């Protein structure tokens, strides 16, 4: 049985070169000019391997590689960039090859053969998607279930329920990979279920199924957060399958974008806190240094002035002790506000951590007449 390879690149000359290298062997080669075109090809053609360029204008290799990983299709990304800089953006099952080396003798053919040999049956096994369908007509469910059972990969497990409360319960726990919701549900409708699903924290795709063709309903569904709007009159296994998989992929990308935005926002906040803290630290340390220096001078004079009372010396000791405490607080603030992302980790005694925490809070604890005994903290415990 021949191995079918889909070559994907937006440069026609590269497509011809890669295809000609592979076609000299037992590979059956066909091509696509973009990531989106490749996804459409994968809808209709059985492919053993996808060989895709990394950077393309219309659907890049990163998106296509994740799409292939979701379908369990082996994928190799071809790139002119540094391989180590590209790899973190790709799924773990995807391999990367240097574009220049592809045209050196039989390098490409040997690489693809080795990759196919190393791709175990387990890594290429079918993925299973669990779907819950909410509909008050079981006949519609049986039709959808029959259509999805014709899809070879992924494999669908479709459950049925006419109980709205049960479905909302499953939504709140995100128990399924996707939810198919009929628009007309007795006294309720699918749009209200969508809204309630979002309110209770459903993060999985929710798709509306309906026999109505109104643009108004379509728009309402999209505004309410529907991942897609599927017309029951034009149902097919491929249509439902594609809607579900595309919705899952969009959700995955949205999560990535949100995570990146949160990391960026956190980094900006830390940077702002760091700048503010450094300014405050600078402004406080200068008068602290003066106070500490003047207190030290006074204490030296006391030793030469026997007539000065012991009370004055005691008050100076209190001043110097307060200065030390403030210095420790400032040092803690400085350590907290700086960027520690690149710091190496090391084991630390739990007792040391507790002691430092108590020391930082000692002035407030003393004011509140609270005492903390840490003598029983095990010194052998390390974090």
Protein backbone atom coordinates (compact mmCIF):
# COMPACT_ATOMS: atom_id res chain seq x y z
CA UNK A 1 0.00 0.00 0.00
CA UNK A 2 1.49 3.37 -1.05
CA UNK A 3 2.08 6.16 1.42
CA UNK A 4 0.16 9.34 0.56
CA UNK A 5 1.91 12.62 1.38
CA UNK A 6 0.28 16.05 1.33
CA UNK A 7 2.90 18.74 0.57
CA UNK A 8 1.85 22.21 1.74
CA UNK A 9 3.67 25.43 0.79
CA UNK A 10 2.60 28.83 -0.56
CA UNK A 11 5.64 28.87 -2.88
CA UNK A 12 4.81 26.80 -6.01
CA UNK A 13 8.49 26.18 -6.79
CA UNK A 14 9.09 24.69 -3.34
CA UNK A 15 6.02 22.47 -3.78
CA UNK A 16 7.39 21.16 -7.10
CA UNK A 17 10.84 20.50 -5.63
CA UNK A 18 9.56 18.70 -2.53
CA UNK A 19 7.04 16.70 -4.54
CA UNK A 20 9.64 15.63 -7.11
CA UNK A 21 11.98 14.36 -4.37
CA UNK A 22 9.22 12.31 -2.75
CA UNK A 23 7.63 11.08 -6.00
CA UNK A 24 10.83 9.26 -6.99
CA UNK A 25 10.03 6.64 -4.33
CA UNK A 26 6.84 4.82 -3.36
CA UNK A 27 5.18 7.99 -2.03
CA UNK A 28 1.91 9.13 -3.57
CA UNK A 29 2.19 12.95 -3.50
CA UNK A 30 -0.42 15.70 -3.82
CA UNK A 31 -0.24 19.34 -2.73
CA UNK A 32 -1.94 22.41 -1.22
CA UNK A 33 -0.89 26.04 -1.33
CA UNK A 34 -1.97 27.07 2.20
CA UNK A 35 -2.86 25.72 5.61
CA UNK A 36 -6.57 26.32 5.05
CA UNK A 37 -6.50 24.57 1.67
CA UNK A 38 -4.68 21.65 3.29
CA UNK A 39 -7.40 21.34 5.95
CA UNK A 40 -10.00 21.13 3.17
CA UNK A 41 -7.93 18.43 1.43
CA UNK A 42 -7.81 16.45 4.66
CA UNK A 43 -11.62 16.52 4.74
CA UNK A 44 -11.87 14.53 1.52
CA UNK A 45 -8.58 12.62 1.15
CA UNK A 46 -6.97 9.95 3.28
CA UNK A 47 -3.43 11.12 4.06
CA UNK A 48 -0.56 9.19 5.61
CA UNK A 49 1.63 12.24 6.23
CA UNK A 50 1.46 16.04 5.97
CA UNK A 51 4.67 17.85 4.99
CA UNK A 52 4.06 21.56 5.56
CA UNK A 53 5.96 24.83 5.45
CA UNK A 54 6.19 26.65 8.78
CA UNK A 55 5.49 30.20 7.62
CA UNK A 56 2.58 30.80 5.22
CA UNK A 57 0.32 33.81 4.80
CA UNK A 58 -3.01 31.96 4.54
CA UNK A 59 -3.05 29.46 7.40
CA UNK A 60 0.42 28.77 8.77
CA UNK A 61 2.18 25.52 9.57
CA UNK A 62 1.65 25.91 13.31
CA UNK A 63 -2.15 25.89 12.99
CA UNK A 64 -2.03 23.06 10.48
CA UNK A 65 0.27 20.97 12.69
CA UNK A 66 -2.13 21.30 15.64
CA UNK A 67 -5.02 20.44 13.34
CA UNK A 68 -3.18 17.29 12.21
CA UNK A 69 -2.32 16.37 15.81
CA UNK A 70 -6.03 16.58 16.73
CA UNK A 71 -6.83 14.20 13.87
CA UNK A 72 -3.95 11.85 14.64
CA UNK A 73 -2.27 12.50 11.26
CA UNK A 74 1.57 12.44 11.27
CA UNK A 75 3.00 15.84 10.38
CA UNK A 76 6.46 17.18 9.53
CA UNK A 77 7.09 20.93 9.49
CA UNK A 78 9.65 22.29 7.02
CA UNK A 79 11.33 25.56 7.97
CA UNK A 80 14.16 27.94 7.18
CA UNK A 81 14.09 29.23 10.76
CA UNK A 82 16.20 27.83 13.56
CA UNK A 83 14.61 24.49 14.46
CA UNK A 84 14.97 25.02 18.22
CA UNK A 85 13.09 28.34 18.00
CA UNK A 86 10.24 26.73 16.05
CA UNK A 87 9.74 23.53 18.03
CA UNK A 88 8.11 25.07 21.16
CA UNK A 89 5.13 26.25 19.07
CA UNK A 90 4.39 22.77 17.69
CA UNK A 91 2.66 19.70 19.18
CA UNK A 92 5.00 17.09 20.65
CA UNK A 93 4.08 14.52 17.99
CA UNK A 94 5.20 16.80 15.14
CA UNK A 95 8.74 16.65 13.75
CA UNK A 96 10.75 19.52 12.20
CA UNK A 97 13.15 19.47 9.27
CA UNK A 98 15.55 22.10 7.89
CA UNK A 99 14.28 23.33 4.50
CA UNK A 100 17.78 23.57 3.00
CA UNK A 101 18.61 19.97 3.88
CA UNK A 102 15.43 18.77 2.14
CA UNK A 103 17.14 19.19 -1.22
CA UNK A 104 20.39 17.44 -0.33
CA UNK A 105 20.34 14.05 -2.06
CA UNK A 106 17.95 11.57 -0.42
CA UNK A 107 17.87 13.41 2.91
CA UNK A 108 14.15 14.25 2.68
CA UNK A 109 13.09 10.75 1.62
CA UNK A 110 15.18 9.10 4.35
CA UNK A 111 13.86 11.55 6.96
CA UNK A 112 10.23 10.89 6.03
CA UNK A 113 10.74 7.12 6.00
CA UNK A 114 12.38 7.21 9.44
CA UNK A 115 9.64 9.45 10.78
CA UNK A 116 6.91 7.15 9.49
CA UNK A 117 8.68 4.13 10.99
CA UNK A 118 9.02 5.87 14.36
CA UNK A 119 5.38 6.98 14.39
CA UNK A 120 3.95 4.12 16.40
CA UNK A 121 0.42 2.89 15.91
CA UNK A 122 -0.43 4.35 19.31
CA UNK A 123 0.64 7.89 18.35
CA UNK A 124 -1.46 7.66 15.17
CA UNK A 125 -4.45 6.04 16.81
CA UNK A 126 -7.86 7.58 16.43
CA UNK A 127 -8.85 10.24 18.88
CA UNK A 128 -12.27 10.09 20.48
CA UNK A 129 -14.51 13.11 20.92
CA UNK A 130 -17.37 12.98 23.41
CA UNK A 131 -20.44 14.98 22.42
CA UNK A 132 -23.66 15.61 24.35
CA UNK A 133 -26.78 16.47 22.33
CA UNK A 134 -29.71 18.31 23.89
CA UNK A 135 -32.89 17.78 21.88
CA UNK A 136 -36.54 17.09 22.67
CA UNK A 137 -36.80 14.81 19.63
CA UNK A 138 -34.81 11.58 19.86
CA UNK A 139 -35.28 10.96 16.14
CA UNK A 140 -33.00 13.94 15.42
CA UNK A 141 -30.42 12.54 17.82
CA UNK A 142 -30.47 9.14 16.11
CA UNK A 143 -29.90 10.85 12.77
CA UNK A 144 -26.94 12.89 14.08
CA UNK A 145 -25.48 9.87 15.82
CA UNK A 146 -25.74 7.83 12.61
CA UNK A 147 -24.07 10.58 10.57
CA UNK A 148 -21.18 10.99 13.00
CA UNK A 149 -20.66 7.23 13.24
CA UNK A 150 -19.66 7.34 9.56
CA UNK A 151 -16.65 9.54 10.42
CA UNK A 152 -13.53 7.41 10.56
CA UNK A 153 -11.28 9.76 12.45
CA UNK A 154 -11.98 11.17 14.98
CA UNK A 155 -14.31 8.66 16.53
CA UNK A 156 -17.44 10.20 18.05
CA UNK A 157 -19.25 9.11 21.19
CA UNK A 158 -22.58 10.93 21.15
CA UNK A 159 -24.86 10.95 24.20
CA UNK A 160 -28.46 12.13 24.21
CA UNK A 161 -30.51 14.04 26.77
CA UNK A 162 -33.81 15.94 26.73
CA UNK A 163 -33.26 17.08 30.34
CA UNK A 164 -32.06 20.70 30.36
CA UNK A 165 -30.92 20.59 34.00
CA UNK A 166 -28.84 17.48 33.32
CA UNK A 167 -27.16 19.09 30.31
CA UNK A 168 -26.41 22.28 32.27
CA UNK A 169 -24.88 20.13 35.00
CA UNK A 170 -22.60 18.50 32.42
CA UNK A 171 -21.75 21.93 30.99
CA UNK A 172 -20.75 23.30 34.39
CA UNK A 173 -18.23 20.47 34.81
CA UNK A 174 -17.12 20.60 31.14
CA UNK A 175 -17.64 16.83 30.95
CA UNK A 176 -17.87 16.68 27.15
CA UNK A 177 -15.69 17.91 24.29
CA UNK A 178 -18.66 19.68 22.64
CA UNK A 179 -22.40 20.25 23.05
CA UNK A 180 -25.01 20.13 20.28
CA UNK A 181 -28.10 22.11 21.30
CA UNK A 182 -31.40 22.11 19.46
CA UNK A 183 -32.82 25.60 18.96
CA UNK A 184 -36.46 24.73 19.77
CA UNK A 185 -36.82 23.07 23.19
CA UNK A 186 -40.45 23.34 24.23
CA UNK A 187 -40.83 26.50 26.33
CA UNK A 188 -37.06 27.16 26.15
CA UNK A 189 -34.74 27.68 23.23
CA UNK A 190 -31.13 26.87 22.50
CA UNK A 191 -29.97 30.48 22.79
CA UNK A 192 -31.10 30.72 26.42
CA UNK A 193 -29.27 27.43 27.13
CA UNK A 194 -26.13 28.93 25.54
CA UNK A 195 -26.30 31.95 27.80
CA UNK A 196 -26.85 29.83 30.89
CA UNK A 197 -24.00 27.56 29.86
CA UNK A 198 -21.64 30.53 29.65
CA UNK A 199 -22.83 31.84 33.01
CA UNK A 200 -22.03 28.55 34.78
CA UNK A 201 -18.53 28.35 33.30
CA UNK A 202 -18.82 26.09 30.26
CA UNK A 203 -15.60 26.49 28.25
CA UNK A 204 -16.28 23.78 25.66
CA UNK A 205 -17.81 24.45 22.20
CA UNK A 206 -21.60 24.86 22.08
CA UNK A 207 -23.24 24.50 18.65
CA UNK A 208 -26.86 25.26 17.75
CA UNK A 209 -28.86 22.83 15.59
CA UNK A 210 -32.06 24.08 14.01
CA UNK A 211 -34.57 23.48 11.27
CA UNK A 212 -35.16 27.23 10.96
CA UNK A 213 -33.22 29.26 8.40
CA UNK A 214 -33.73 32.75 9.83
CA UNK A 215 -30.71 35.06 9.69
CA UNK A 216 -32.01 36.71 12.85
CA UNK A 217 -31.76 33.45 14.79
CA UNK A 218 -28.30 32.85 13.31
CA UNK A 219 -27.11 36.28 14.47
CA UNK A 220 -28.67 35.87 17.92
CA UNK A 221 -26.88 32.55 18.32
CA UNK A 222 -23.50 34.01 17.38
CA UNK A 223 -23.95 37.03 19.67
CA UNK A 224 -24.90 34.67 22.53
CA UNK A 225 -21.66 32.73 22.11
CA UNK A 226 -22.57 29.85 19.80
CA UNK A 227 -19.50 28.30 18.19
CA UNK A 228 -21.51 27.45 15.09
CA UNK A 229 -25.06 27.40 13.72
CA UNK A 230 -25.96 24.20 11.83
CA UNK A 231 -29.03 23.84 9.63
CA UNK A 232 -30.73 20.46 10.16
CA UNK A 233 -32.00 20.49 6.56
CA UNK A 234 -28.41 20.34 5.25
CA UNK A 235 -26.92 17.90 7.73
CA UNK A 236 -24.12 15.51 6.83
CA UNK A 237 -21.50 13.72 8.86
CA UNK A 238 -18.74 15.83 7.31
CA UNK A 239 -20.60 19.08 8.09
CA UNK A 240 -21.15 18.28 11.76
CA UNK A 241 -17.65 16.81 12.13
CA UNK A 242 -16.01 19.86 10.61
CA UNK A 243 -18.05 22.28 12.74
CA UNK A 244 -17.14 20.44 15.93
CA UNK A 245 -13.44 20.11 15.14
CA UNK A 246 -13.09 23.71 13.96
CA UNK A 247 -14.89 24.91 17.09
CA UNK A 248 -12.53 22.88 19.32
CA UNK A 249 -9.53 24.30 17.46
CA UNK A 250 -10.80 27.89 17.76
CA UNK A 251 -11.36 27.41 21.49
CA UNK A 252 -7.81 26.08 21.85
CA UNK A 253 -6.40 29.12 20.05
CA UNK A 254 -8.54 31.48 22.14
CA UNK A 255 -7.18 29.87 25.32
CA UNK A 256 -3.63 30.31 24.06
CA UNK A 257 -4.26 33.98 23.24
CA UNK A 258 -5.90 34.59 26.63
CA UNK A 259 -3.02 32.89 28.45
CA UNK A 260 -0.48 34.97 26.55
CA UNK A 261 -2.42 38.17 27.28
CA UNK A 262 -2.63 37.29 30.98
CA UNK A 263 1.11 36.59 31.10
CA UNK A 264 1.82 39.87 29.33
CA UNK A 265 -0.52 41.78 31.65
CA UNK A 266 1.10 40.15 34.69
CA UNK A 267 4.58 40.99 33.38
CA UNK A 268 3.57 44.63 32.79
CA UNK A 269 2.11 44.88 36.30
CA UNK A 270 5.27 43.42 37.82
CA UNK A 271 7.35 45.84 35.79
CA UNK A 272 5.25 48.78 36.99
CA UNK A 273 5.43 47.56 40.59
CA UNK A 274 9.18 47.11 40.25
CA UNK A 275 9.68 50.63 38.94
CA UNK A 276 7.50 52.11 41.67
CA UNK A 277 9.18 49.99 44.36
CA UNK A 278 12.67 51.02 43.22
CA UNK A 279 11.65 54.67 43.36
CA UNK A 280 10.15 54.28 46.85
CA UNK A 281 13.14 52.26 48.05
CA UNK A 282 15.53 54.94 46.86
CA UNK A 283 13.53 57.70 48.57
CA UNK A 284 13.25 55.80 51.87
CA UNK A 285 16.78 54.44 52.10
CA UNK A 286 18.40 57.86 52.02
CA UNK A 287 16.67 59.22 55.16
CA UNK A 288 17.08 55.82 56.84
CA UNK A 289 20.81 56.00 56.25
CA UNK A 290 20.87 59.48 57.78
CA UNK A 291 18.84 58.37 60.82
CA UNK A 292 21.06 55.32 61.32
CA UNK A 293 24.23 57.41 60.96
CA UNK A 294 23.06 60.12 63.37
CA UNK A 295 21.96 57.52 65.93
CA UNK A 296 25.40 55.87 65.76
CA UNK A 297 27.11 59.24 66.32
CA UNK A 298 24.88 60.01 69.32
CA UNK A 299 25.66 56.61 70.82
CA UNK A 300 29.40 57.24 70.53
CA UNK A 301 29.00 60.62 72.28
CA UNK A 302 27.06 58.94 75.08
CA UNK A 303 30.04 56.82 75.99
CA UNK A 304 32.01 59.99 76.61
CA UNK A 305 29.21 61.74 78.52
CA UNK A 306 28.74 59.89 81.76
CA UNK A 307 26.14 62.33 82.99
CA UNK A 308 23.72 61.40 80.15
CA UNK A 309 21.13 58.97 81.36
CA UNK A 310 20.89 55.30 80.42
CA UNK A 311 17.37 56.08 79.20
CA UNK A 312 18.68 58.14 76.28
CA UNK A 313 20.99 55.31 75.20
CA UNK A 314 18.09 52.89 75.35
CA UNK A 315 15.98 55.16 73.13
CA UNK A 316 18.79 55.32 70.57
CA UNK A 317 18.95 51.51 70.52
CA UNK A 318 15.24 51.47 69.74
CA UNK A 319 15.79 53.89 66.85
CA UNK A 320 18.56 51.75 65.37
CA UNK A 321 16.51 48.58 65.78
CA UNK A 322 13.59 50.22 63.94
CA UNK A 323 15.93 51.27 61.16
CA UNK A 324 17.13 47.67 60.76
CA UNK A 325 13.54 46.41 60.62
CA UNK A 326 12.62 48.96 57.97
CA UNK A 327 15.70 47.99 55.97
CA UNK A 328 14.62 44.34 56.06
CA UNK A 329 11.12 45.30 54.85
CA UNK A 330 12.59 47.35 52.01
CA UNK A 331 14.88 44.51 51.01
CA UNK A 332 11.89 42.15 50.97
CA UNK A 333 9.91 44.56 48.80
CA UNK A 334 12.85 44.86 46.42
CA UNK A 335 13.16 41.09 46.11
CA UNK A 336 9.42 40.70 45.57
CA UNK A 337 9.16 43.36 42.86
CA UNK A 338 12.08 42.32 40.70
CA UNK A 339 11.79 39.90 37.76
CA UNK A 340 12.77 36.51 39.15
CA UNK A 341 11.72 34.43 36.11
CA UNK A 342 15.32 33.54 35.27
CA UNK A 343 16.41 32.80 38.84
CA UNK A 344 17.55 29.27 39.56
CA UNK A 345 15.60 27.26 42.11
CA UNK A 346 17.20 25.90 45.26
CA UNK A 347 15.99 23.96 48.26
CA UNK A 348 15.20 25.99 51.36
CA UNK A 349 14.43 24.96 54.90
CA UNK A 350 10.77 25.33 55.81
CA UNK A 351 11.82 26.75 59.18
CA UNK A 352 13.85 29.50 57.48
CA UNK A 353 10.83 30.49 55.40
CA UNK A 354 8.61 30.62 58.50
CA UNK A 355 11.22 32.61 60.44
CA UNK A 356 11.55 35.16 57.64
CA UNK A 357 7.77 35.50 57.39
CA UNK A 358 7.38 36.00 61.12
CA UNK A 359 10.24 38.53 61.18
CA UNK A 360 8.58 40.52 58.40
CA UNK A 361 5.33 40.69 60.39
CA UNK A 362 6.89 41.13 63.86
CA UNK A 363 6.07 44.84 64.32
CA UNK A 364 2.37 44.30 63.53
CA UNK A 365 2.26 41.11 65.62
CA UNK A 366 3.76 42.94 68.57
CA UNK A 367 1.25 45.80 68.24
CA UNK A 368 -1.60 43.28 68.17
CA UNK A 369 -0.05 41.39 71.12
CA UNK A 370 0.23 38.21 69.09
CA UNK A 371 3.05 35.76 69.66
CA UNK A 372 4.03 32.90 67.34
CA UNK A 373 6.06 29.92 68.55
CA UNK A 374 8.02 28.28 65.71
CA UNK A 375 10.31 26.15 67.87
CA UNK A 376 8.48 22.96 66.84
CA UNK A 377 8.90 23.50 63.08
CA UNK A 378 10.91 20.55 61.71
CA UNK A 379 14.29 21.85 60.45
CA UNK A 380 14.75 18.81 58.18
CA UNK A 381 11.81 19.70 55.92
CA UNK A 382 12.96 21.39 52.71
CA UNK A 383 10.96 22.97 49.89
